[in-house]
């Protein structure tokens, strides 16, 4: 409108000269500066902060490792739905009750591995429990000694916390000296609880083919292999480790009983 008004009042020759001096670049640059100023104003209102701040938080608790047997015998169905799934369910129940305690997971069969280092991230711990299966350790067998010695090394040695190892297994240890390992653990300040899962009557070990068809494990003579709960060894390991043995069949909430025992212990500040 202003342009039209000026063009009507002055001569065309003079208008062309005036208009020729206008800079389109400066016009666009001015617009960009206005946009930039608006963005900087919005950024300033957001009040962004930079840097880190460390804050020391004191808690009371203990360090707990759970060692879970993932050998083939843990698929036996004398405990519903089977031994390993029952154990995983109980572990998740225990995790849900923890507050301030660090928890770690060890899985063992013919060898042992740290599934999860000590942590207070309970949601992560539950996720790690959920994915555990008998295929988690490729080496067959069930060596409890390895699990105990791995736990001893995996506790924070430099931090003075109550150290607890809970072993969940059917007790059929194939190799090693688990009694000596339990004694060494006790000397290192590790209290050992054992939970025997399964029955003493003996039950076959299910095996499934690629199509999901169920069969049972056989020995070389063609006889069905039975897996039995070995309580004698687990009781001795718990006694040597200064803890307690619990039968999961007679005590449905074995880990719950252990949790009550642990709450009676003096927790240390960290």
Protein backbone atom coordinates (compact mmCIF):
# COMPACT_ATOMS: atom_id res chain seq x y z
CA UNK A 1 0.00 0.00 0.00
CA UNK A 2 2.85 2.42 0.89
CA UNK A 3 4.66 1.43 -2.27
CA UNK A 4 1.54 2.17 -4.33
CA UNK A 5 1.07 5.56 -2.61
CA UNK A 6 4.62 6.65 -3.33
CA UNK A 7 4.49 5.46 -6.94
CA UNK A 8 1.40 7.63 -7.54
CA UNK A 9 2.94 10.80 -6.04
CA UNK A 10 6.35 10.76 -7.71
CA UNK A 11 7.47 10.26 -11.25
CA UNK A 12 8.12 6.80 -12.58
CA UNK A 13 11.75 7.62 -13.38
CA UNK A 14 12.45 8.79 -9.83
CA UNK A 15 10.64 5.77 -8.36
CA UNK A 16 12.73 3.34 -10.37
CA UNK A 17 15.90 5.01 -9.10
CA UNK A 18 14.74 4.85 -5.47
CA UNK A 19 13.56 1.26 -5.73
CA UNK A 20 16.82 0.20 -7.31
CA UNK A 21 18.69 1.18 -4.13
CA UNK A 22 16.68 -1.31 -1.99
CA UNK A 23 18.69 -4.38 -0.88
CA UNK A 24 16.79 -7.65 -0.94
CA UNK A 25 19.69 -9.33 0.90
CA UNK A 26 19.47 -6.88 3.82
CA UNK A 27 15.72 -7.37 3.90
CA UNK A 28 16.10 -11.15 4.29
CA UNK A 29 18.97 -10.71 6.75
CA UNK A 30 16.81 -8.47 8.93
CA UNK A 31 14.09 -11.12 8.96
CA UNK A 32 16.60 -13.81 9.99
CA UNK A 33 17.89 -11.64 12.83
CA UNK A 34 14.36 -11.18 14.10
CA UNK A 35 13.79 -14.96 14.07
CA UNK A 36 17.13 -15.57 15.80
CA UNK A 37 16.30 -12.99 18.48
CA UNK A 38 12.96 -14.70 19.10
CA UNK A 39 14.63 -18.12 19.42
CA UNK A 40 17.25 -16.77 21.82
CA UNK A 41 14.51 -15.20 23.92
CA UNK A 42 12.67 -18.54 24.13
CA UNK A 43 15.95 -20.31 24.97
CA UNK A 44 16.61 -17.82 27.79
CA UNK A 45 13.13 -18.40 29.23
CA UNK A 46 13.85 -22.15 29.34
CA UNK A 47 16.72 -21.36 31.77
CA UNK A 48 19.05 -24.20 30.63
CA UNK A 49 21.68 -25.40 33.12
CA UNK A 50 25.04 -26.97 32.45
CA UNK A 51 27.30 -29.09 34.61
CA UNK A 52 26.98 -31.90 37.16
CA UNK A 53 26.31 -32.07 40.86
CA UNK A 54 27.34 -34.95 43.11
CA UNK A 55 25.27 -35.76 46.14
CA UNK A 56 26.09 -38.40 48.73
CA UNK A 57 23.13 -40.55 49.73
CA UNK A 58 23.47 -42.90 52.69
CA UNK A 59 21.56 -46.18 52.78
CA UNK A 60 21.44 -49.28 54.90
CA UNK A 61 21.47 -52.71 53.39
CA UNK A 62 23.47 -55.79 52.52
CA UNK A 63 24.97 -57.44 49.45
CA UNK A 64 23.02 -60.47 48.23
CA UNK A 65 24.01 -62.83 45.43
CA UNK A 66 21.54 -65.45 44.22
CA UNK A 67 23.13 -68.44 42.51
CA UNK A 68 20.60 -70.29 40.35
CA UNK A 69 21.20 -73.78 38.99
CA UNK A 70 20.38 -73.83 35.25
CA UNK A 71 21.35 -77.45 34.56
CA UNK A 72 19.03 -79.70 32.55
CA UNK A 73 17.66 -81.36 35.70
CA UNK A 74 16.09 -78.02 36.65
CA UNK A 75 13.47 -78.57 33.94
CA UNK A 76 11.98 -81.44 35.94
CA UNK A 77 8.28 -80.95 36.62
CA UNK A 78 8.01 -82.31 40.16
CA UNK A 79 7.54 -78.64 41.13
CA UNK A 80 4.93 -76.74 39.08
CA UNK A 81 5.40 -75.61 36.40
CA UNK A 82 9.00 -76.84 36.64
CA UNK A 83 11.95 -76.33 38.95
CA UNK A 84 13.61 -73.42 37.20
CA UNK A 85 10.41 -71.45 36.55
CA UNK A 86 9.36 -71.91 40.17
CA UNK A 87 12.77 -70.63 41.29
CA UNK A 88 12.55 -67.58 38.99
CA UNK A 89 9.11 -66.74 40.35
CA UNK A 90 10.39 -66.83 43.93
CA UNK A 91 13.45 -64.72 43.05
CA UNK A 92 11.26 -62.03 41.53
CA UNK A 93 9.10 -62.03 44.66
CA UNK A 94 12.20 -61.48 46.77
CA UNK A 95 13.42 -58.65 44.53
CA UNK A 96 10.07 -56.93 44.98
CA UNK A 97 10.60 -56.82 48.75
CA UNK A 98 14.14 -55.43 48.76
CA UNK A 99 14.86 -51.86 49.76
CA UNK A 100 18.41 -50.55 49.86
CA UNK A 101 19.99 -53.99 49.54
CA UNK A 102 22.19 -54.75 46.55
CA UNK A 103 21.34 -57.89 44.61
CA UNK A 104 23.31 -59.83 42.00
CA UNK A 105 22.64 -62.98 39.98
CA UNK A 106 24.92 -65.93 39.26
CA UNK A 107 23.89 -68.77 36.97
CA UNK A 108 25.70 -72.08 37.05
CA UNK A 109 25.74 -75.48 35.47
CA UNK A 110 29.02 -77.06 34.36
CA UNK A 111 30.52 -73.61 34.87
CA UNK A 112 29.36 -70.35 36.46
CA UNK A 113 28.72 -66.85 35.13
CA UNK A 114 27.73 -63.49 36.55
CA UNK A 115 24.30 -62.81 35.06
CA UNK A 116 24.01 -59.48 36.89
CA UNK A 117 26.59 -57.73 39.11
CA UNK A 118 25.48 -56.30 42.45
CA UNK A 119 22.98 -53.50 41.90
CA UNK A 120 20.07 -51.65 43.49
CA UNK A 121 18.34 -51.43 40.11
CA UNK A 122 15.61 -53.93 40.97
CA UNK A 123 13.71 -53.53 37.69
CA UNK A 124 16.86 -54.51 35.78
CA UNK A 125 17.36 -57.46 38.13
CA UNK A 126 13.82 -58.70 37.42
CA UNK A 127 14.39 -58.43 33.66
CA UNK A 128 17.58 -60.46 33.94
CA UNK A 129 15.75 -63.12 35.95
CA UNK A 130 13.00 -63.36 33.34
CA UNK A 131 15.41 -64.25 30.51
CA UNK A 132 17.26 -67.00 32.40
CA UNK A 133 16.89 -70.46 30.85
CA UNK A 134 18.69 -73.79 30.87
CA UNK A 135 20.44 -72.77 27.64
CA UNK A 136 22.11 -69.84 29.44
CA UNK A 137 25.16 -72.01 30.22
CA UNK A 138 26.31 -74.34 27.47
CA UNK A 139 28.56 -76.52 29.65
CA UNK A 140 26.53 -79.42 31.11
CA UNK A 141 26.77 -80.48 34.73
CA UNK A 142 26.08 -78.83 38.07
CA UNK A 143 29.15 -77.60 39.94
CA UNK A 144 28.07 -75.78 43.09
CA UNK A 145 31.68 -75.14 44.13
CA UNK A 146 32.24 -72.91 41.08
CA UNK A 147 29.19 -70.82 41.93
CA UNK A 148 30.35 -70.32 45.53
CA UNK A 149 33.88 -69.32 44.55
CA UNK A 150 32.61 -66.94 41.86
CA UNK A 151 30.37 -65.28 44.45
CA UNK A 152 33.29 -64.86 46.86
CA UNK A 153 35.27 -63.02 44.18
CA UNK A 154 32.30 -60.94 43.04
CA UNK A 155 31.36 -59.33 46.33
CA UNK A 156 32.81 -55.85 46.91
CA UNK A 157 35.80 -56.73 49.05
CA UNK A 158 36.68 -53.13 49.88
CA UNK A 159 33.22 -52.27 51.22
CA UNK A 160 32.27 -53.62 54.67
CA UNK A 161 28.76 -54.89 53.97
CA UNK A 162 26.97 -58.03 55.12
CA UNK A 163 27.50 -60.57 52.34
CA UNK A 164 24.87 -63.23 51.65
CA UNK A 165 24.82 -66.00 49.04
CA UNK A 166 21.55 -67.83 48.32
CA UNK A 167 21.97 -71.02 46.27
CA UNK A 168 18.89 -72.45 44.56
CA UNK A 169 19.44 -75.93 43.17
CA UNK A 170 18.31 -79.55 43.24
CA UNK A 171 21.63 -80.36 44.91
CA UNK A 172 22.90 -82.81 42.32
CA UNK A 173 26.46 -81.49 42.22
CA UNK A 174 28.55 -83.40 39.71
CA UNK A 175 32.07 -82.19 40.50
CA UNK A 176 34.16 -80.10 42.88
CA UNK A 177 34.41 -79.72 46.63
CA UNK A 178 31.44 -77.54 47.57
CA UNK A 179 32.06 -78.14 51.30
CA UNK A 180 35.55 -76.63 51.16
CA UNK A 181 34.19 -73.73 49.12
CA UNK A 182 31.50 -73.11 51.75
CA UNK A 183 34.15 -73.06 54.49
CA UNK A 184 36.23 -70.57 52.52
CA UNK A 185 33.15 -68.41 51.99
CA UNK A 186 32.42 -68.33 55.72
CA UNK A 187 36.03 -67.28 56.40
CA UNK A 188 35.55 -64.45 53.92
CA UNK A 189 32.41 -63.26 55.70
CA UNK A 190 29.89 -64.72 53.25
CA UNK A 191 26.78 -66.26 54.77
CA UNK A 192 25.32 -69.08 52.67
CA UNK A 193 21.67 -70.10 52.46
CA UNK A 194 20.61 -73.06 50.32
CA UNK A 195 17.20 -73.80 48.87
CA UNK A 196 16.56 -77.34 47.67
CA UNK A 197 14.09 -77.44 44.83
CA UNK A 198 12.48 -80.70 43.73
CA UNK A 199 11.48 -83.95 45.43
CA UNK A 200 13.46 -86.86 46.82
CA UNK A 201 11.28 -89.43 45.07
CA UNK A 202 12.91 -88.85 41.70
CA UNK A 203 11.32 -87.60 38.51
CA UNK A 204 12.23 -87.84 34.79
CA UNK A 205 13.89 -84.96 32.97
CA UNK A 206 11.74 -83.75 30.05
CA UNK A 207 13.35 -83.12 26.67
CA UNK A 208 11.59 -81.42 23.76
CA UNK A 209 12.49 -81.79 20.10
CA UNK A 210 12.39 -79.00 17.54
CA UNK A 211 8.67 -79.56 17.01
CA UNK A 212 7.85 -79.32 20.71
CA UNK A 213 7.29 -83.04 21.11
CA UNK A 214 8.01 -84.16 24.65
CA UNK A 215 10.27 -87.05 25.59
CA UNK A 216 12.48 -87.88 28.56
CA UNK A 217 16.22 -88.12 29.01
CA UNK A 218 17.60 -91.67 28.78
CA UNK A 219 20.93 -93.13 29.82
CA UNK A 220 23.17 -95.18 27.53
CA UNK A 221 21.27 -98.32 28.45
CA UNK A 222 18.00 -96.76 27.34
CA UNK A 223 16.62 -96.29 30.85
CA UNK A 224 14.86 -93.05 31.81
CA UNK A 225 17.09 -90.85 33.93
CA UNK A 226 15.57 -89.70 37.21
CA UNK A 227 16.62 -86.56 39.03
CA UNK A 228 16.31 -86.39 42.81
CA UNK A 229 16.71 -83.64 45.34
CA UNK A 230 19.95 -84.13 47.28
CA UNK A 231 19.23 -82.47 50.61
CA UNK A 232 22.20 -83.92 52.48
CA UNK A 233 24.77 -81.89 50.58
CA UNK A 234 22.74 -78.68 50.67
CA UNK A 235 22.21 -78.93 54.43
CA UNK A 236 25.95 -79.36 54.94
CA UNK A 237 26.80 -76.40 52.68
CA UNK A 238 24.38 -74.15 54.60
CA UNK A 239 25.76 -75.30 57.95
CA UNK A 240 29.36 -74.65 56.88
CA UNK A 241 28.32 -71.29 55.46
CA UNK A 242 26.64 -70.17 58.66
CA UNK A 243 23.21 -69.98 57.06
CA UNK A 244 20.19 -72.23 56.76
CA UNK A 245 18.79 -74.89 54.44
CA UNK A 246 15.20 -74.63 53.22
CA UNK A 247 13.18 -77.21 51.28
CA UNK A 248 11.06 -75.43 48.68
CA UNK A 249 8.52 -78.24 48.65
CA UNK A 250 7.71 -78.12 52.35
CA UNK A 251 8.24 -74.36 52.53
CA UNK A 252 6.54 -72.83 49.52
CA UNK A 253 7.93 -69.36 50.25
CA UNK A 254 11.52 -70.36 50.96
CA UNK A 255 12.98 -67.05 49.87
CA UNK A 256 10.41 -65.22 51.96
CA UNK A 257 11.66 -67.04 55.05
CA UNK A 258 15.25 -66.14 54.15
CA UNK A 259 14.21 -62.51 53.69
CA UNK A 260 12.76 -62.48 57.21
CA UNK A 261 16.03 -63.91 58.54
CA UNK A 262 18.07 -61.30 56.69
CA UNK A 263 15.97 -58.47 58.11
CA UNK A 264 17.01 -59.58 61.58
CA UNK A 265 20.68 -59.10 60.70
CA UNK A 266 22.34 -55.78 61.35
CA UNK A 267 22.53 -53.90 58.08
CA UNK A 268 25.47 -51.66 57.39
CA UNK A 269 25.45 -48.12 56.10
CA UNK A 270 26.93 -47.45 52.68
